[in-house]
Amino acid sequence: MESFCFNYAFNLCWILLLVTQEYHSCRLSPGCQHFPDTNTYSCSGRIWKETKFDNISMDDRINMRILEMCNVNQETLNLHKIHTKFPNLINITIWQGNISSITNSFLPHNQIKVLQLRNLKIETIPAKFLSSLTKIEVLDLSGNSLQSLDPKVIEEINRIPFTNLSNNQWNCSLNLEWVALLNTSSIPGAKNLTCYQQPYQGIPIIPIAKFKENVHTSCPERCSCTMYDVLRNPKNFDDLERFIEVNCSNRNFLEFPPILPDKTKTLMLDRNQIRSLLPLINNPLYKDVQDLDLDNNFIDSIEDLEGSSWFINFRVLSLRNNQLVQVPTYAFDNALQENPSMPTGVTLFLSGNPWKCDCSFIPPFQDLLRKYKSQVQDVNDIKCSPVEGDKKSPMVIVDMPRSAMCRLPNDYAVNALDLVNGILASLIILILGKLAYDYYHFKRTGRLPWIVTKIP
């Protein structure tokens, strides 16, 4: 227990050391200085030559414990040569300058406990760079141009009590498997390491790595999956909203894929052989899908969507070139009225279907298309199914007059029932006329009608 407390206090001291040194400025005057009291050799503002040292004897180099370098105007750092000249160093601190690469490593059986290479331009860490630092307790690589780390480097970092990796240029578009290997307990601020570039700029790399792993492992076979954006929830800054696109276009699917990455927003299933929309209702993985492309499939009904949660929350639904003959217009109307993305966030495509243009379906369908003309992007391409000999079949549905749907093709055709009614009406008029004439004749002459005299 005492050993643990001592180590913990020691580590806290090193953290304070890191914080104070972060604000330690580099001397303006170039050159090197030797401080015998602390066995420190400090250089600034010069082109460093690992084989040349000013004003220092061999004995002093052997006794040297701390090496400081800043504003070093060279691109490559050979720590092996430096360590050869200063074999007993316990602290190497190099900050500010143009160093972008590291060559070679340290001598075996070294005593180095602190290694700070901060505010430089280092782009990569060699895989075996840290393997010989068996006694290291503090590693500071902050403020560099690191985009990624080798898994072997992560193995070495995880055994170091404290590591600072902040303010680097982490490229989250690259493979992030190394992030999952990080021992966050030994890396202060690991949860605050952020992506440097778009599309995830400013987003913590640890959740990004987890999201990308889920996208990779849950992507349907034969499909391609992309997490194209991650945004912070404005109501909860720690809550991250993923935007994932799954592209399964032209992959010979007979039905919806059984799995999807969590929080998939866009699903492209065009040019397949899908007939049913039931997975949108039955499979909970589809509840977050907002943009759905089902063009060029074999869907002949959307009645399964009626009253469903998905139907009132979608943003884009494309059903071009399917087998739709009719749709429940009332269900569409109800869903669009309840949709929270209305009016500007909802888009529909319905053209290329064999719509049946009869008097029972077209009037309410026309009303629907006219009411939501801003949402139905291809409203002027929605046409009746071609029927041989039917003049209205190629017409644009939204522009069709009602009289073209609810009348016979021959404008002058007489209905048989109407003909019978006409004959009966004529007979009634004739009989009433004959009755009036006979009555008048009887009153004037007193003689009964001829037919009455013949009745026995």
Protein backbone atom coordinates (compact mmCIF):
# COMPACT_ATOMS: atom_id res chain seq x y z
CA MET A 1 0.00 0.00 0.00
CA GLU A 2 2.83 2.41 0.89
CA SER A 3 4.54 1.56 -2.39
CA PHE A 4 1.33 2.31 -4.29
CA CYS A 5 0.91 5.68 -2.55
CA PHE A 6 4.53 6.59 -3.26
CA ASN A 7 4.19 5.73 -6.93
CA TYR A 8 0.92 7.63 -7.16
CA ALA A 9 2.49 10.73 -5.59
CA PHE A 10 5.48 10.38 -7.88
CA ASN A 11 3.26 10.22 -10.92
CA LEU A 12 1.31 13.28 -9.81
CA CYS A 13 4.57 15.16 -9.57
CA TRP A 14 5.42 14.21 -13.12
CA ILE A 15 2.05 15.49 -14.28
CA LEU A 16 2.76 18.83 -12.62
CA LEU A 17 6.16 18.82 -14.25
CA LEU A 18 4.58 18.34 -17.66
CA VAL A 19 2.14 21.17 -17.06
CA THR A 20 4.83 23.62 -15.95
CA GLN A 21 7.21 22.68 -18.75
CA GLU A 22 4.44 23.21 -21.29
CA TYR A 23 4.74 26.93 -20.57
CA HIS A 24 8.56 26.93 -20.33
CA SER A 25 9.72 29.16 -23.17
CA CYS A 26 12.74 28.61 -25.33
CA ARG A 27 15.70 30.97 -24.91
CA LEU A 28 15.96 33.59 -27.60
CA SER A 29 19.74 33.47 -27.79
CA PRO A 30 21.03 30.47 -29.77
CA GLY A 31 23.59 28.06 -28.43
CA CYS A 32 24.08 25.49 -25.67
CA GLN A 33 24.61 25.79 -21.94
CA HIS A 34 25.82 23.33 -19.34
CA PHE A 35 24.33 23.47 -15.83
CA PRO A 36 26.59 21.27 -13.64
CA ASP A 37 24.42 21.65 -10.54
CA THR A 38 21.55 19.80 -12.19
CA ASN A 39 23.63 17.87 -14.73
CA THR A 40 21.60 19.55 -17.46
CA TYR A 41 22.64 20.38 -21.00
CA SER A 42 20.35 22.88 -22.70
CA CYS A 43 20.44 24.01 -26.34
CA SER A 44 18.22 26.34 -28.33
CA GLY A 45 17.91 27.95 -31.75
CA ARG A 46 20.56 26.08 -33.68
CA ILE A 47 21.14 23.31 -36.17
CA TRP A 48 21.87 20.36 -33.91
CA LYS A 49 24.73 18.07 -34.77
CA GLU A 50 24.54 14.88 -32.77
CA THR A 51 28.33 14.34 -32.93
CA LYS A 52 29.35 17.85 -31.88
CA PHE A 53 28.94 19.34 -28.39
CA ASP A 54 30.13 22.72 -27.17
CA ASN A 55 31.97 23.42 -23.90
CA ILE A 56 31.51 20.00 -22.38
CA SER A 57 33.98 17.26 -21.53
CA MET A 58 33.57 13.54 -21.87
CA ASP A 59 33.19 13.15 -18.10
CA ASP A 60 30.44 15.76 -18.09
CA ARG A 61 28.64 13.94 -20.89
CA ILE A 62 28.78 10.71 -18.93
CA ASN A 63 27.38 12.43 -15.84
CA MET A 64 24.70 14.30 -17.76
CA ARG A 65 21.14 13.43 -16.64
CA ILE A 66 18.94 15.98 -18.44
CA LEU A 67 19.09 17.07 -22.07
CA GLU A 68 16.95 19.97 -23.28
CA MET A 69 16.67 21.12 -26.90
CA CYS A 70 14.33 23.69 -28.44
CA ASN A 71 13.89 25.43 -31.77
CA VAL A 72 15.96 22.79 -33.50
CA ASN A 73 16.17 23.65 -37.19
CA GLN A 74 16.46 20.22 -38.72
CA GLU A 75 13.94 17.66 -39.96
CA THR A 76 15.42 14.38 -38.70
CA LEU A 77 16.26 13.46 -35.13
CA ASN A 78 18.73 10.64 -34.47
CA LEU A 79 18.28 9.85 -30.78
CA HIS A 80 20.67 6.92 -30.97
CA LYS A 81 23.62 9.21 -31.69
CA ILE A 82 22.56 11.60 -28.96
CA HIS A 83 22.20 8.78 -26.48
CA THR A 84 25.64 7.46 -27.41
CA LYS A 85 27.17 10.79 -26.41
CA PHE A 86 25.02 11.06 -23.26
CA PRO A 87 24.67 7.42 -22.13
CA ASN A 88 23.23 8.09 -18.66
CA LEU A 89 20.40 10.47 -19.44
CA ILE A 90 17.15 10.08 -17.50
CA ASN A 91 15.30 13.01 -19.10
CA ILE A 92 15.25 14.04 -22.76
CA THR A 93 13.10 17.05 -23.55
CA ILE A 94 12.93 18.41 -27.09
CA TRP A 95 10.30 20.98 -28.00
CA GLN A 96 9.57 23.50 -30.74
CA GLY A 97 11.29 23.12 -34.08
CA ASN A 98 11.11 21.48 -37.48
CA ILE A 99 11.77 17.86 -36.52
CA SER A 100 9.36 15.67 -38.50
CA SER A 101 10.93 12.20 -38.31
CA ILE A 102 12.82 10.03 -35.85
CA THR A 103 15.52 7.58 -36.84
CA ASN A 104 16.93 4.70 -34.80
CA SER A 105 16.28 4.19 -31.11
CA PHE A 106 18.04 4.25 -27.76
CA LEU A 107 20.85 2.19 -26.33
CA PRO A 108 19.79 -0.97 -24.49
CA HIS A 109 19.78 -0.93 -20.68
CA ASN A 110 19.23 2.85 -20.66
CA GLN A 111 18.00 4.85 -17.66
CA ILE A 112 15.57 7.16 -19.44
CA LYS A 113 12.45 7.88 -17.40
CA VAL A 114 11.15 10.99 -19.14
CA LEU A 115 10.95 11.53 -22.89
CA GLN A 116 9.30 14.68 -24.17
CA LEU A 117 9.10 15.32 -27.90
CA ARG A 118 6.45 18.02 -27.99
CA ASN A 119 5.38 20.86 -30.26
CA LEU A 120 7.44 19.50 -33.11
CA LYS A 121 6.30 18.20 -36.51
CA ILE A 122 6.73 14.48 -35.95
CA GLU A 123 4.49 12.54 -38.35
CA THR A 124 5.17 8.91 -37.38
CA ILE A 125 6.60 6.93 -34.48
CA PRO A 126 8.73 3.93 -35.56
CA ALA A 127 7.28 0.59 -34.44
CA LYS A 128 10.30 -0.32 -32.26
CA PHE A 129 11.07 3.20 -31.09
CA LEU A 130 9.94 2.67 -27.48
CA SER A 131 10.86 -0.99 -27.04
CA SER A 132 14.23 -0.30 -25.40
CA LEU A 133 12.82 2.27 -22.94
CA THR A 134 12.14 -0.23 -20.18
CA LYS A 135 12.23 2.33 -17.35
CA ILE A 136 10.29 5.14 -18.94
CA GLU A 137 7.54 6.66 -16.80
CA VAL A 138 6.53 9.78 -18.73
CA LEU A 139 6.12 10.11 -22.50
CA ASP A 140 5.00 13.40 -24.04
CA LEU A 141 4.26 13.44 -27.77
CA SER A 142 1.82 16.34 -27.68
CA GLY A 143 1.59 19.06 -30.30
CA ASN A 144 3.01 17.04 -33.19
CA SER A 145 1.63 15.99 -36.58
CA LEU A 146 0.85 12.38 -35.71
CA GLN A 147 -2.07 11.00 -37.73
CA SER A 148 -2.00 7.41 -36.51
CA LEU A 149 -0.02 5.01 -34.33
CA ASP A 150 1.32 1.55 -35.03
CA PRO A 151 -0.30 -1.16 -32.84
CA LYS A 152 3.20 -2.14 -31.66
CA VAL A 153 3.74 1.43 -30.47
CA ILE A 154 0.44 1.24 -28.59
CA GLU A 155 1.63 -1.91 -26.81
CA GLU A 156 4.65 0.02 -25.56
CA ILE A 157 2.63 3.11 -24.64
CA ASN A 158 0.22 1.03 -22.55
CA ARG A 159 2.99 0.01 -20.16
CA ILE A 160 4.07 3.64 -19.56
CA PRO A 161 2.42 5.17 -16.46
CA PHE A 162 1.70 8.53 -18.14
CA THR A 163 1.54 9.45 -21.82
CA ASN A 164 0.46 12.73 -23.39
CA LEU A 165 -0.87 12.45 -26.96
CA SER A 166 -2.89 15.66 -27.11
CA ASN A 167 -2.95 18.25 -29.90
CA ASN A 168 -1.93 15.94 -32.72
CA GLN A 169 -3.44 15.68 -36.19
CA TRP A 170 -5.30 12.40 -35.76
CA ASN A 171 -6.74 11.28 -39.09
CA CYS A 172 -9.99 9.49 -38.33
CA SER A 173 -10.48 8.54 -41.97
CA LEU A 174 -7.67 6.02 -41.56
CA ASN A 175 -7.87 2.67 -39.80
CA LEU A 176 -8.59 3.33 -36.11
CA GLU A 177 -7.99 -0.15 -34.73
CA TRP A 178 -5.07 1.27 -32.75
CA VAL A 179 -7.46 3.49 -30.77
CA ALA A 180 -9.28 0.46 -29.37
CA LEU A 181 -5.95 -0.79 -28.00
CA LEU A 182 -5.24 2.36 -25.95
CA ASN A 183 -5.05 2.00 -22.17
CA THR A 184 -6.97 5.16 -21.33
CA SER A 185 -6.06 4.94 -17.63
CA SER A 186 -2.41 5.72 -18.42
CA ILE A 187 -3.17 8.51 -20.90
CA PRO A 188 -4.53 11.65 -19.21
CA GLY A 189 -7.07 13.28 -21.48
CA ALA A 190 -7.34 10.26 -23.77
CA LYS A 191 -11.09 10.80 -23.97
CA ASN A 192 -10.42 14.32 -25.23
CA LEU A 193 -8.23 13.28 -28.17
CA THR A 194 -10.07 14.54 -31.23
CA CYS A 195 -10.08 14.04 -34.97
CA TYR A 196 -8.11 16.71 -36.80
CA GLN A 197 -9.74 16.60 -40.24
CA GLN A 198 -13.18 16.42 -41.78
CA PRO A 199 -15.58 14.68 -41.77
CA TYR A 200 -15.11 14.16 -38.01
CA GLN A 201 -13.14 17.29 -37.12
CA GLY A 202 -13.26 18.06 -33.41
CA ILE A 203 -15.04 14.81 -32.49
CA PRO A 204 -13.35 12.52 -29.89
CA ILE A 205 -11.49 9.68 -31.58
CA ILE A 206 -12.49 6.96 -29.08
CA PRO A 207 -16.23 7.00 -29.91
CA ILE A 208 -15.37 7.46 -33.60
CA ALA A 209 -13.27 4.29 -33.45
CA LYS A 210 -16.15 2.39 -31.80
CA PHE A 211 -18.63 3.67 -34.37
CA LYS A 212 -16.39 2.68 -37.27
CA GLU A 213 -15.89 -0.78 -35.78
CA ASN A 214 -19.66 -1.25 -35.56
CA VAL A 215 -20.05 -0.10 -39.17
CA HIS A 216 -17.40 -2.58 -40.27
CA THR A 217 -18.73 -5.59 -38.37
CA SER A 218 -22.43 -4.93 -39.04
CA CYS A 219 -22.24 -4.03 -42.70
CA PRO A 220 -24.40 -6.45 -44.74
CA GLU A 221 -22.59 -8.85 -47.01
CA ARG A 222 -22.23 -7.53 -50.57
CA CYS A 223 -22.89 -3.96 -49.40
CA SER A 224 -20.62 -1.00 -48.71
CA CYS A 225 -21.06 1.05 -45.53
CA THR A 226 -19.82 4.55 -44.80
CA MET A 227 -20.09 6.77 -41.74
CA TYR A 228 -20.13 10.06 -43.61
CA ASP A 229 -20.63 12.41 -40.67
CA VAL A 230 -20.84 12.65 -36.88
CA LEU A 231 -22.42 15.64 -35.18
CA ARG A 232 -22.81 16.70 -31.58
CA ASN A 233 -26.31 16.93 -30.20
CA PRO A 234 -26.89 20.66 -29.52
CA LYS A 235 -28.99 19.73 -26.48
CA ASN A 236 -26.35 17.36 -25.09
CA PHE A 237 -22.78 18.12 -26.19
CA ASP A 238 -21.56 14.65 -25.18
CA ASP A 239 -24.21 12.92 -27.28
CA LEU A 240 -22.93 12.13 -30.77
CA GLU A 241 -25.27 11.62 -33.72
CA ARG A 242 -23.96 9.27 -36.43
CA PHE A 243 -24.85 9.46 -40.10
CA ILE A 244 -24.28 6.13 -41.81
CA GLU A 245 -24.96 5.24 -45.44
CA VAL A 246 -25.39 1.62 -46.54
CA ASN A 247 -25.15 1.05 -50.28
CA CYS A 248 -26.70 -2.23 -51.44
CA SER A 249 -27.54 -1.08 -54.96
CA ASN A 250 -27.68 -3.70 -57.70
CA ARG A 251 -26.62 -6.59 -55.43
CA ASN A 252 -29.36 -9.10 -56.36
CA PHE A 253 -31.19 -8.79 -53.04
CA LEU A 254 -34.56 -10.53 -52.92
CA GLU A 255 -35.43 -8.87 -49.61
CA PHE A 256 -34.08 -6.30 -47.19
CA PRO A 257 -30.70 -7.28 -45.63
CA PRO A 258 -31.20 -8.81 -42.15
CA ILE A 259 -28.53 -6.65 -40.45
CA LEU A 260 -27.52 -2.99 -40.56
CA PRO A 261 -25.01 -0.88 -38.63
CA ASP A 262 -26.56 0.92 -35.68
CA LYS A 263 -28.06 4.32 -36.49
CA THR A 264 -28.05 3.80 -40.27
CA LYS A 265 -29.65 6.89 -41.80
CA THR A 266 -29.40 6.22 -45.56
CA LEU A 267 -30.11 2.89 -47.26
CA MET A 268 -29.75 2.39 -51.00
CA LEU A 269 -31.49 -0.75 -52.30
CA ASP A 270 -32.22 0.30 -55.85
CA ARG A 271 -31.93 -2.15 -58.77
CA ASN A 272 -32.67 -5.29 -56.77
CA GLN A 273 -35.60 -7.72 -56.70
CA ILE A 274 -37.33 -6.69 -53.48
CA ARG A 275 -41.10 -7.15 -53.19
CA SER A 276 -41.99 -6.54 -49.53
CA LEU A 277 -41.60 -3.56 -47.20
CA LEU A 278 -42.33 -5.52 -44.01
CA PRO A 279 -38.76 -5.31 -42.60
CA LEU A 280 -39.26 -1.57 -42.18
CA ILE A 281 -41.95 -2.48 -39.65
CA ASN A 282 -40.68 -5.71 -38.13
CA ASN A 283 -36.91 -5.22 -37.90
CA PRO A 284 -35.89 -2.67 -35.21
CA LEU A 285 -32.58 -2.04 -37.01
CA TYR A 286 -34.54 -0.12 -39.64
CA LYS A 287 -36.18 2.33 -37.25
CA ASP A 288 -33.43 4.94 -37.78
CA VAL A 289 -33.38 4.69 -41.58
CA GLN A 290 -34.64 8.02 -42.88
CA ASP A 291 -33.55 8.05 -46.52
CA LEU A 292 -34.58 4.96 -48.51
CA ASP A 293 -33.96 4.34 -52.21
CA LEU A 294 -36.00 1.43 -53.60
CA ASP A 295 -36.03 2.38 -57.28
CA ASN A 296 -36.24 -0.41 -59.85
CA ASN A 297 -37.56 -3.22 -57.66
CA PHE A 298 -40.80 -5.26 -57.71
CA ILE A 299 -42.78 -3.54 -54.95
CA ASP A 300 -46.51 -3.64 -55.71
CA SER A 301 -47.95 -2.38 -52.41
CA ILE A 302 -47.13 -0.02 -49.56
CA GLU A 303 -50.11 -0.96 -47.42
CA ASP A 304 -47.77 -2.64 -44.89
CA LEU A 305 -46.46 0.81 -43.96
CA GLU A 306 -49.86 2.17 -43.00
CA GLY A 307 -49.87 3.49 -39.43
CA SER A 308 -46.23 2.53 -38.79
CA SER A 309 -43.69 4.67 -36.96
CA TRP A 310 -41.30 4.49 -39.90
CA PHE A 311 -43.90 5.88 -42.30
CA ILE A 312 -44.38 9.06 -40.29
CA ASN A 313 -40.64 9.68 -39.75
CA PHE A 314 -38.98 9.09 -43.12
CA ARG A 315 -37.27 11.93 -45.00
CA VAL A 316 -36.68 10.42 -48.45
CA LEU A 317 -38.66 7.58 -50.02
CA SER A 318 -37.94 6.73 -53.64
CA LEU A 319 -40.18 4.12 -55.30
CA ARG A 320 -39.60 4.84 -58.96
CA ASN A 321 -40.01 2.07 -61.52
CA ASN A 322 -41.72 -0.49 -59.29
CA GLN A 323 -45.06 -2.29 -59.71
CA LEU A 324 -47.36 0.07 -57.85
CA VAL A 325 -50.86 0.24 -59.34
CA GLN A 326 -52.57 2.04 -56.47
CA VAL A 327 -51.62 3.37 -53.03
CA PRO A 328 -53.78 4.09 -49.97
CA THR A 329 -53.99 7.84 -50.39
CA TYR A 330 -55.47 8.40 -46.94
CA ALA A 331 -52.51 6.56 -45.34
CA PHE A 332 -50.05 8.70 -47.30
CA ASP A 333 -51.89 11.85 -46.31
CA ASN A 334 -51.98 10.94 -42.61
CA ALA A 335 -48.29 9.99 -42.59
CA LEU A 336 -47.19 13.22 -44.24
CA GLN A 337 -49.33 15.34 -41.93
CA GLU A 338 -47.69 13.75 -38.87
CA ASN A 339 -44.14 13.74 -40.26
CA PRO A 340 -41.94 16.08 -38.14
CA SER A 341 -39.67 16.80 -41.14
CA MET A 342 -42.49 18.38 -43.13
CA PRO A 343 -42.62 20.44 -45.22
CA THR A 344 -39.02 21.05 -46.30
CA GLY A 345 -37.39 17.83 -45.12
CA VAL A 346 -39.52 15.23 -46.92
CA THR A 347 -38.95 14.03 -50.49
CA LEU A 348 -40.94 11.47 -52.51
CA PHE A 349 -40.38 9.84 -55.92
CA LEU A 350 -43.24 7.81 -57.44
CA SER A 351 -42.84 7.94 -61.23
CA GLY A 352 -42.38 4.96 -63.54
CA ASN A 353 -45.08 2.83 -61.88
CA PRO A 354 -48.05 1.30 -63.80
CA TRP A 355 -50.70 3.48 -62.16
CA LYS A 356 -54.27 2.34 -62.78
CA CYS A 357 -56.25 5.36 -63.90
CA ASP A 358 -59.84 4.62 -62.93
CA CYS A 359 -62.54 6.83 -61.51
CA SER A 360 -62.27 5.38 -57.99
CA PHE A 361 -58.50 5.85 -57.47
CA ILE A 362 -57.36 8.81 -59.54
CA PRO A 363 -59.44 11.66 -57.99
CA PRO A 364 -58.09 11.15 -54.43
CA PHE A 365 -54.61 10.40 -55.84
CA GLN A 366 -54.71 13.67 -57.77
CA ASP A 367 -55.69 15.52 -54.62
CA LEU A 368 -52.75 13.93 -52.81
CA LEU A 369 -50.25 14.84 -55.54
CA ARG A 370 -51.48 18.42 -55.71
CA LYS A 371 -51.46 18.83 -51.94
CA TYR A 372 -47.88 17.56 -51.62
CA LYS A 373 -46.49 18.79 -54.92
CA SER A 374 -43.49 20.32 -53.12
CA GLN A 375 -42.57 16.95 -51.66
CA VAL A 376 -43.27 14.74 -54.71
CA GLN A 377 -40.29 15.75 -56.82
CA ASP A 378 -41.33 13.87 -59.97
CA VAL A 379 -45.03 14.78 -59.91
CA ASN A 380 -44.99 15.71 -63.61
CA ASP A 381 -43.62 12.27 -64.54
CA ILE A 382 -46.29 10.24 -62.75
CA LYS A 383 -48.46 8.87 -65.56
CA CYS A 384 -51.19 6.32 -66.17
CA SER A 385 -50.19 2.81 -67.15
CA PRO A 386 -50.26 2.48 -70.96
CA VAL A 387 -53.44 0.74 -72.14
CA GLU A 388 -53.96 -0.01 -75.80
CA GLY A 389 -56.79 2.04 -77.24
CA ASP A 390 -57.13 4.18 -74.11
CA LYS A 391 -56.46 7.82 -74.92
CA LYS A 392 -55.90 8.81 -71.29
CA SER A 393 -53.27 6.14 -70.52
CA PRO A 394 -50.14 8.22 -71.28
CA MET A 395 -51.45 11.35 -69.58
CA VAL A 396 -49.77 13.03 -66.60
CA ILE A 397 -52.06 12.13 -63.71
CA VAL A 398 -51.91 15.44 -61.88
CA ASP A 399 -53.06 17.28 -65.03
CA MET A 400 -55.89 14.92 -66.04
CA PRO A 401 -59.43 16.42 -66.06
CA ARG A 402 -61.94 14.49 -63.98
CA SER A 403 -64.17 14.09 -67.04
CA ALA A 404 -61.45 12.07 -68.74
CA MET A 405 -61.61 9.47 -65.99
CA CYS A 406 -65.28 9.25 -65.12
CA ARG A 407 -67.02 8.96 -68.53
CA LEU A 408 -67.32 6.49 -71.43
CA PRO A 409 -64.76 6.74 -74.23
CA ASN A 410 -67.61 7.46 -76.76
CA ASP A 411 -69.06 10.82 -75.72
CA TYR A 412 -72.36 10.14 -77.59
CA ALA A 413 -73.03 6.57 -76.61
CA VAL A 414 -76.58 6.02 -75.25
CA ASN A 415 -77.04 3.76 -72.30
CA ALA A 416 -79.66 0.97 -72.86
CA LEU A 417 -81.39 1.74 -69.60
CA ASP A 418 -81.73 5.37 -70.63
CA LEU A 419 -83.38 4.21 -73.88
CA VAL A 420 -85.94 2.08 -72.01
CA ASN A 421 -86.68 4.96 -69.70
CA GLY A 422 -87.30 7.20 -72.69
CA ILE A 423 -89.72 4.77 -74.28
CA LEU A 424 -91.66 4.33 -71.05
CA ALA A 425 -91.87 8.07 -70.57
CA SER A 426 -93.23 8.48 -74.12
CA LEU A 427 -95.88 5.80 -73.56
CA ILE A 428 -97.01 7.44 -70.36
CA ILE A 429 -97.38 10.78 -72.10
CA LEU A 430 -99.30 9.12 -74.96
CA ILE A 431 -101.71 7.35 -72.59
CA LEU A 432 -102.31 10.49 -70.58
CA GLY A 433 -102.97 12.39 -73.80
CA LYS A 434 -105.46 9.77 -75.03
CA LEU A 435 -107.22 9.81 -71.66
CA ALA A 436 -107.59 13.59 -71.81
CA TYR A 437 -108.95 13.45 -75.36
CA ASP A 438 -111.54 10.76 -74.55
CA TYR A 439 -112.73 12.70 -71.54
CA TYR A 440 -113.16 15.86 -73.59
CA HIS A 441 -114.99 13.95 -76.37
CA PHE A 442 -117.37 12.31 -73.86
CA LYS A 443 -118.28 15.65 -72.28
CA ARG A 444 -119.09 17.24 -75.63
CA THR A 445 -120.97 14.42 -77.39
CA GLY A 446 -121.94 12.10 -74.56
CA ARG A 447 -120.52 9.18 -76.47
CA LEU A 448 -118.08 6.79 -74.84
CA PRO A 449 -114.73 6.03 -76.45
CA TRP A 450 -114.87 3.38 -79.15
CA ILE A 451 -112.80 0.86 -77.20
CA VAL A 452 -115.16 1.09 -74.22
CA THR A 453 -118.14 0.05 -76.39
CA LYS A 454 -116.34 -3.10 -77.40
CA ILE A 455 -115.71 -4.21 -73.83
CA PRO A 456 -118.32 -6.86 -72.81
